[in-house]
Amino acid sequence: MNSKTKKVRLNLEFTPEVKNNLTDLQQRSGSTTLNEVFRKSVALFDMVTTHSQKGGTFILRHTDGSEEVVKFL
């Protein structure tokens, strides 16, 4: 079994509100499983923290054309 197919099981506990949020994200993102939601979330967070650590910023452009700098923890 190579490192790409090797899996590690995690047991996580969430409040019902977080579970509902995850399920909503699953539906809105078209993800087939909650695992996929987590994988996408971790990939996005990795990209954001890497970019931020290099001094980059993230800007949201709203439908009205206005922009907002996104601040992360």
Protein backbone atom coordinates (compact mmCIF):
# COMPACT_ATOMS: atom_id res chain seq x y z
CA MET A 1 0.00 0.00 0.00
CA ASN A 2 1.58 3.30 -1.04
CA SER A 3 1.18 6.62 0.79
CA LYS A 4 -1.58 7.80 -1.59
CA THR A 5 -3.84 4.85 -0.77
CA LYS A 6 -2.94 4.44 2.90
CA LYS A 7 -5.68 5.83 5.12
CA VAL A 8 -5.89 6.98 8.71
CA ARG A 9 -9.19 6.98 10.57
CA LEU A 10 -10.13 10.06 12.60
CA ASN A 11 -12.98 10.17 15.07
CA LEU A 12 -14.33 13.72 15.38
CA GLU A 13 -17.10 15.17 17.54
CA PHE A 14 -19.10 18.22 16.47
CA THR A 15 -22.10 20.11 17.72
CA PRO A 16 -25.31 19.60 15.74
CA GLU A 17 -24.88 23.11 14.30
CA VAL A 18 -21.45 22.28 12.88
CA LYS A 19 -22.79 19.01 11.46
CA ASN A 20 -25.63 20.93 9.79
CA ASN A 21 -23.13 23.43 8.39
CA LEU A 22 -21.00 20.59 6.99
CA THR A 23 -24.04 18.98 5.39
CA ASP A 24 -25.05 22.32 3.89
CA LEU A 25 -21.51 22.78 2.52
CA GLN A 26 -21.68 19.29 1.07
CA GLN A 27 -24.87 20.12 -0.82
CA ARG A 28 -23.75 23.58 -1.96
CA SER A 29 -20.36 22.35 -3.14
CA GLY A 30 -21.70 19.27 -4.90
CA SER A 31 -19.45 17.06 -2.78
CA THR A 32 -20.52 13.44 -2.68
CA THR A 33 -19.36 12.81 0.91
CA LEU A 34 -18.46 14.70 4.07
CA ASN A 35 -14.94 13.33 3.62
CA GLU A 36 -14.77 15.23 0.34
CA VAL A 37 -15.91 18.40 2.15
CA PHE A 38 -13.06 17.94 4.65
CA ARG A 39 -10.48 17.26 1.94
CA LYS A 40 -11.53 20.37 0.01
CA SER A 41 -11.59 22.44 3.20
CA VAL A 42 -8.11 21.33 4.25
CA ALA A 43 -6.76 22.02 0.75
CA LEU A 44 -8.28 25.51 0.78
CA PHE A 45 -6.99 26.27 4.28
CA ASP A 46 -3.54 25.04 3.26
CA MET A 47 -3.56 27.36 0.24
CA VAL A 48 -4.79 30.31 2.32
CA THR A 49 -2.24 29.91 5.11
CA THR A 50 0.64 29.34 2.69
CA HIS A 51 -0.30 32.44 0.68
CA SER A 52 -0.82 34.54 3.82
CA GLN A 53 2.51 33.47 5.32
CA LYS A 54 4.21 34.72 2.16
CA GLY A 55 2.60 38.14 2.66
CA GLY A 56 -0.30 37.66 0.26
CA THR A 57 -3.85 38.84 0.80
CA PHE A 58 -7.27 37.59 -0.24
CA ILE A 59 -9.85 39.90 -1.70
CA LEU A 60 -13.53 39.13 -2.22
CA ARG A 61 -15.19 40.93 -5.09
CA HIS A 62 -18.91 41.38 -4.49
CA THR A 63 -21.55 41.37 -7.22
CA ASP A 64 -21.80 45.16 -6.97
CA GLY A 65 -18.08 45.43 -7.78
CA SER A 66 -16.99 46.41 -4.30
CA GLU A 67 -14.03 44.58 -2.79
CA GLU A 68 -13.26 43.39 0.71
CA VAL A 69 -9.95 42.14 2.12
CA VAL A 70 -10.47 38.82 3.89
CA LYS A 71 -8.63 38.43 7.18
CA PHE A 72 -7.84 35.00 8.56
CA LEU A 73 -6.75 33.89 12.02
